Structure formats: structure tokens, C-alpha cells
Amino acid sequence: MGQEKKEAEIEAAAHASPLMTPDELAGLLRCSRRTVYDRVDKGELPGSLRIGRRLW
């Protein structure tokens, strides 16, 4: 039940804002947060925005 709630929160957050955190994107893509960071570094995820050390 906890996993379903987390997925529902990720889905709701994805529709609420054009910006997503790495955790939200990882949930949407069904991959790890590390994979999201790796893909951003490789340029495979367009539109990523870094503000200081944060990734949006």
C-alpha cells in the first residue's frame, strides 16, 4: 500500500508543475535517481535545470 501511495504522489506532482525533482522523474521513468543524474550528465534528458547543486 505504501508504494501505491508514493506512486500516486509522484504522478500528482508531475501534473502540478512543469519542474520535477530527480526523485519524481525517476518514479515516472521507473528508474533510479542515480540513472536520472547520469542521463542528465550525458545530455540524454533535455530541459534539465541546475540551480546551485539542485537539479530540476
PDB file of N, CA and C in Angstrom:
ATOM      1  N   MET A   1       0.826  -1.199   0.000  1.00  0.00           N
ATOM      2  CA  MET A   1       0.000   0.000   0.000  1.00  0.00           C
ATOM      3  C   MET A   1       0.860   1.247   0.000  1.00  0.00           C
ATOM      4  N   GLY A   2       1.992   1.253   0.688  1.00  0.00           N
ATOM      5  CA  GLY A   2       2.862   2.410   0.755  1.00  0.00           C
ATOM      6  C   GLY A   2       3.431   2.782  -0.604  1.00  0.00           C
ATOM      7  N   GLN A   3       3.781   1.774  -1.409  1.00  0.00           N
ATOM      8  CA  GLN A   3       4.329   2.021  -2.745  1.00  0.00           C
ATOM      9  C   GLN A   3       3.288   2.673  -3.643  1.00  0.00           C
ATOM     10  N   GLU A   4       2.038   2.244  -3.545  1.00  0.00           N
ATOM     11  CA  GLU A   4       0.973   2.835  -4.358  1.00  0.00           C
ATOM     12  C   GLU A   4       0.771   4.301  -4.001  1.00  0.00           C
ATOM     13  N   LYS A   5       0.848   4.613  -2.722  1.00  0.00           N
ATOM     14  CA  LYS A   5       0.685   5.995  -2.285  1.00  0.00           C
ATOM     15  C   LYS A   5       1.820   6.857  -2.825  1.00  0.00           C
ATOM     16  N   LYS A   6       3.044   6.338  -2.774  1.00  0.00           N
ATOM     17  CA  LYS A   6       4.196   7.075  -3.278  1.00  0.00           C
ATOM     18  C   LYS A   6       4.052   7.318  -4.779  1.00  0.00           C
ATOM     19  N   GLU A   7       3.628   6.310  -5.521  1.00  0.00           N
ATOM     20  CA  GLU A   7       3.436   6.462  -6.960  1.00  0.00           C
ATOM     21  C   GLU A   7       2.350   7.487  -7.263  1.00  0.00           C
ATOM     22  N   ALA A   8       1.289   7.492  -6.475  1.00  0.00           N
ATOM     23  CA  ALA A   8       0.211   8.466  -6.673  1.00  0.00           C
ATOM     24  C   ALA A   8       0.709   9.879  -6.402  1.00  0.00           C
ATOM     25  N   GLU A   9       1.546  10.047  -5.381  1.00  0.00           N
ATOM     26  CA  GLU A   9       2.105  11.364  -5.082  1.00  0.00           C
ATOM     27  C   GLU A   9       3.021  11.833  -6.208  1.00  0.00           C
ATOM     28  N   ILE A  10       3.832  10.936  -6.752  1.00  0.00           N
ATOM     29  CA  ILE A  10       4.719  11.278  -7.862  1.00  0.00           C
ATOM     30  C   ILE A  10       3.902  11.680  -9.080  1.00  0.00           C
ATOM     31  N   GLU A  11       2.874  10.930  -9.373  1.00  0.00           N
ATOM     32  CA  GLU A  11       2.012  11.228 -10.519  1.00  0.00           C
ATOM     33  C   GLU A  11       1.334  12.583 -10.359  1.00  0.00           C
ATOM     34  N   ALA A  12       0.830  12.876  -9.171  1.00  0.00           N
ATOM     35  CA  ALA A  12       0.170  14.160  -8.917  1.00  0.00           C
ATOM     36  C   ALA A  12       1.166  15.312  -9.045  1.00  0.00           C
ATOM     37  N   ALA A  13       2.365  15.125  -8.547  1.00  0.00           N
ATOM     38  CA  ALA A  13       3.388  16.168  -8.628  1.00  0.00           C
ATOM     39  C   ALA A  13       3.801  16.413 -10.073  1.00  0.00           C
ATOM     40  N   ALA A  14       3.825  15.372 -10.871  1.00  0.00           N
ATOM     41  CA  ALA A  14       4.217  15.513 -12.274  1.00  0.00           C
ATOM     42  C   ALA A  14       3.227  16.373 -13.048  1.00  0.00           C
ATOM     43  N   HIS A  15       1.971  16.323 -12.665  1.00  0.00           N
ATOM     44  CA  HIS A  15       0.954  17.103 -13.364  1.00  0.00           C
ATOM     45  C   HIS A  15       0.794  18.501 -12.778  1.00  0.00           C
ATOM     46  N   ALA A  16       1.284  18.731 -11.588  1.00  0.00           N
ATOM     47  CA  ALA A  16       1.090  20.009 -10.916  1.00  0.00           C
ATOM     48  C   ALA A  16       2.096  21.064 -11.358  1.00  0.00           C
ATOM     49  N   SER A  17       3.286  20.668 -11.753  1.00  0.00           N
ATOM     50  CA  SER A  17       4.340  21.623 -12.062  1.00  0.00           C
ATOM     51  C   SER A  17       5.135  21.155 -13.271  1.00  0.00           C
ATOM     52  N   PRO A  18       5.598  22.092 -14.087  1.00  0.00           N
ATOM     53  CA  PRO A  18       6.440  21.688 -15.218  1.00  0.00           C
ATOM     54  C   PRO A  18       7.841  21.258 -14.763  1.00  0.00           C
ATOM     55  N   LEU A  19       8.215  21.603 -13.532  1.00  0.00           N
ATOM     56  CA  LEU A  19       9.501  21.190 -12.991  1.00  0.00           C
ATOM     57  C   LEU A  19       9.321  19.953 -12.128  1.00  0.00           C
ATOM     58  N   MET A  20      10.254  19.012 -12.272  1.00  0.00           N
ATOM     59  CA  MET A  20      10.204  17.784 -11.491  1.00  0.00           C
ATOM     60  C   MET A  20      11.532  17.592 -10.794  1.00  0.00           C
ATOM     61  N   THR A  21      11.487  17.020  -9.622  1.00  0.00           N
ATOM     62  CA  THR A  21      12.717  16.665  -8.926  1.00  0.00           C
ATOM     63  C   THR A  21      13.257  15.371  -9.530  1.00  0.00           C
ATOM     64  N   PRO A  22      14.527  15.066  -9.290  1.00  0.00           N
ATOM     65  CA  PRO A  22      15.059  13.789  -9.784  1.00  0.00           C
ATOM     66  C   PRO A  22      14.285  12.580  -9.261  1.00  0.00           C
ATOM     67  N   ASP A  23      13.816  12.648  -8.010  1.00  0.00           N
ATOM     68  CA  ASP A  23      13.026  11.537  -7.466  1.00  0.00           C
ATOM     69  C   ASP A  23      11.707  11.375  -8.211  1.00  0.00           C
ATOM     70  N   GLU A  24      11.043  12.481  -8.510  1.00  0.00           N
ATOM     71  CA  GLU A  24       9.775  12.419  -9.242  1.00  0.00           C
ATOM     72  C   GLU A  24       9.994  11.866 -10.644  1.00  0.00           C
ATOM     73  N   LEU A  25      11.046  12.338 -11.307  1.00  0.00           N
ATOM     74  CA  LEU A  25      11.332  11.859 -12.653  1.00  0.00           C
ATOM     75  C   LEU A  25      11.721  10.387 -12.650  1.00  0.00           C
ATOM     76  N   ALA A  26      12.504   9.979 -11.660  1.00  0.00           N
ATOM     77  CA  ALA A  26      12.879   8.568 -11.554  1.00  0.00           C
ATOM     78  C   ALA A  26      11.637   7.694 -11.365  1.00  0.00           C
ATOM     79  N   GLY A  27      10.689   8.159 -10.570  1.00  0.00           N
ATOM     80  CA  GLY A  27       9.449   7.410 -10.396  1.00  0.00           C
ATOM     81  C   GLY A  27       8.647   7.323 -11.680  1.00  0.00           C
ATOM     82  N   LEU A  28       8.620   8.415 -12.419  1.00  0.00           N
ATOM     83  CA  LEU A  28       7.873   8.435 -13.670  1.00  0.00           C
ATOM     84  C   LEU A  28       8.530   7.542 -14.720  1.00  0.00           C
ATOM     85  N   LEU A  29       9.865   7.560 -14.777  1.00  0.00           N
ATOM     86  CA  LEU A  29      10.598   6.744 -15.743  1.00  0.00           C
ATOM     87  C   LEU A  29      10.855   5.324 -15.260  1.00  0.00           C
ATOM     88  N   ARG A  30      10.533   5.080 -13.989  1.00  0.00           N
ATOM     89  CA  ARG A  30      10.766   3.763 -13.373  1.00  0.00           C
ATOM     90  C   ARG A  30      12.228   3.359 -13.450  1.00  0.00           C
ATOM     91  N   CYS A  31      13.067   4.280 -12.996  1.00  0.00           N
ATOM     92  CA  CYS A  31      14.499   4.013 -12.911  1.00  0.00           C
ATOM     93  C   CYS A  31      15.003   4.602 -11.594  1.00  0.00           C
ATOM     94  N   SER A  32      16.282   4.471 -11.332  1.00  0.00           N
ATOM     95  CA  SER A  32      16.824   5.002 -10.089  1.00  0.00           C
ATOM     96  C   SER A  32      17.142   6.492 -10.225  1.00  0.00           C
ATOM     97  N   ARG A  33      17.281   7.138  -9.091  1.00  0.00           N
ATOM     98  CA  ARG A  33      17.652   8.555  -9.078  1.00  0.00           C
ATOM     99  C   ARG A  33      19.043   8.735  -9.686  1.00  0.00           C
ATOM    100  N   ARG A  34      19.941   7.794  -9.421  1.00  0.00           N
ATOM    101  CA  ARG A  34      21.296   7.850  -9.994  1.00  0.00           C
ATOM    102  C   ARG A  34      21.242   7.818 -11.515  1.00  0.00           C
ATOM    103  N   THR A  35      20.335   7.022 -12.085  1.00  0.00           N
ATOM    104  CA  THR A  35      20.183   6.946 -13.532  1.00  0.00           C
ATOM    105  C   THR A  35      19.736   8.293 -14.093  1.00  0.00           C
ATOM    106  N   VAL A  36      18.856   8.975 -13.390  1.00  0.00           N
ATOM    107  CA  VAL A  36      18.414  10.299 -13.829  1.00  0.00           C
ATOM    108  C   VAL A  36      19.611  11.246 -13.891  1.00  0.00           C
ATOM    109  N   TYR A  37      20.418  11.275 -12.830  1.00  0.00           N
ATOM    110  CA  TYR A  37      21.603  12.133 -12.821  1.00  0.00           C
ATOM    111  C   TYR A  37      22.577  11.754 -13.938  1.00  0.00           C
ATOM    112  N   ASP A  38      22.785  10.461 -14.156  1.00  0.00           N
ATOM    113  CA  ASP A  38      23.681  10.013 -15.220  1.00  0.00           C
ATOM    114  C   ASP A  38      23.188  10.451 -16.588  1.00  0.00           C
ATOM    115  N   ARG A  39      21.893  10.333 -16.827  1.00  0.00           N
ATOM    116  CA  ARG A  39      21.333  10.735 -18.119  1.00  0.00           C
ATOM    117  C   ARG A  39      21.423  12.244 -18.328  1.00  0.00           C
ATOM    118  N   VAL A  40      21.259  13.012 -17.269  1.00  0.00           N
ATOM    119  CA  VAL A  40      21.410  14.466 -17.369  1.00  0.00           C
ATOM    120  C   VAL A  40      22.860  14.795 -17.734  1.00  0.00           C
ATOM    121  N   ASP A  41      23.811  14.154 -17.067  1.00  0.00           N
ATOM    122  CA  ASP A  41      25.226  14.397 -17.339  1.00  0.00           C
ATOM    123  C   ASP A  41      25.609  14.037 -18.773  1.00  0.00           C
ATOM    124  N   LYS A  42      24.971  13.007 -19.330  1.00  0.00           N
ATOM    125  CA  LYS A  42      25.249  12.584 -20.699  1.00  0.00           C
ATOM    126  C   LYS A  42      24.485  13.418 -21.728  1.00  0.00           C
ATOM    127  N   GLY A  43      23.566  14.268 -21.265  1.00  0.00           N
ATOM    128  CA  GLY A  43      22.767  15.073 -22.177  1.00  0.00           C
ATOM    129  C   GLY A  43      21.580  14.330 -22.765  1.00  0.00           C
ATOM    130  N   GLU A  44      21.199  13.214 -22.169  1.00  0.00           N
ATOM    131  CA  GLU A  44      20.092  12.404 -22.679  1.00  0.00           C
ATOM    132  C   GLU A  44      18.727  12.889 -22.209  1.00  0.00           C
ATOM    133  N   LEU A  45      18.690  13.784 -21.223  1.00  0.00           N
ATOM    134  CA  LEU A  45      17.426  14.335 -20.736  1.00  0.00           C
ATOM    135  C   LEU A  45      17.423  15.844 -21.008  1.00  0.00           C
ATOM    136  N   PRO A  46      16.774  16.251 -22.066  1.00  0.00           N
ATOM    137  CA  PRO A  46      16.769  17.676 -22.386  1.00  0.00           C
ATOM    138  C   PRO A  46      15.927  18.474 -21.397  1.00  0.00           C
ATOM    139  N   GLY A  47      16.279  19.734 -21.254  1.00  0.00           N
ATOM    140  CA  GLY A  47      15.482  20.619 -20.420  1.00  0.00           C
ATOM    141  C   GLY A  47      15.801  20.559 -18.951  1.00  0.00           C
ATOM    142  N   SER A  48      16.896  19.915 -18.582  1.00  0.00           N
ATOM    143  CA  SER A  48      17.235  19.877 -17.156  1.00  0.00           C
ATOM    144  C   SER A  48      17.788  21.233 -16.740  1.00  0.00           C
ATOM    145  N   LEU A  49      17.542  21.577 -15.508  1.00  0.00           N
ATOM    146  CA  LEU A  49      17.930  22.876 -14.982  1.00  0.00           C
ATOM    147  C   LEU A  49      18.612  22.678 -13.644  1.00  0.00           C
ATOM    148  N   ARG A  50      19.821  23.179 -13.531  1.00  0.00           N
ATOM    149  CA  ARG A  50      20.540  23.119 -12.258  1.00  0.00           C
ATOM    150  C   ARG A  50      20.519  24.498 -11.629  1.00  0.00           C
ATOM    151  N   ILE A  51      20.121  24.530 -10.375  1.00  0.00           N
ATOM    152  CA  ILE A  51      20.150  25.763  -9.585  1.00  0.00           C
ATOM    153  C   ILE A  51      21.047  25.448  -8.399  1.00  0.00           C
ATOM    154  N   GLY A  52      22.278  25.947  -8.441  1.00  0.00           N
ATOM    155  CA  GLY A  52      23.256  25.580  -7.423  1.00  0.00           C
ATOM    156  C   GLY A  52      23.562  24.105  -7.561  1.00  0.00           C
ATOM    157  N   ARG A  53      23.377  23.369  -6.504  1.00  0.00           N
ATOM    158  CA  ARG A  53      23.603  21.929  -6.540  1.00  0.00           C
ATOM    159  C   ARG A  53      22.328  21.152  -6.816  1.00  0.00           C
ATOM    160  N   ARG A  54      21.205  21.854  -6.924  1.00  0.00           N
ATOM    161  CA  ARG A  54      19.919  21.184  -7.145  1.00  0.00           C
ATOM    162  C   ARG A  54      19.657  20.981  -8.624  1.00  0.00           C
ATOM    163  N   LEU A  55      19.010  19.912  -8.939  1.00  0.00           N
ATOM    164  CA  LEU A  55      18.633  19.573 -10.303  1.00  0.00           C
ATOM    165  C   LEU A  55      17.114  19.591 -10.406  1.00  0.00           C
ATOM    166  N   TRP A  56      16.577  20.314 -11.360  1.00  0.00           N
ATOM    167  CA  TRP A  56      15.123  20.403 -11.586  1.00  0.00           C
ATOM    168  C   TRP A  56      14.811  20.000 -12.992  1.00  0.00           C
TER     169      TRP A  56
END
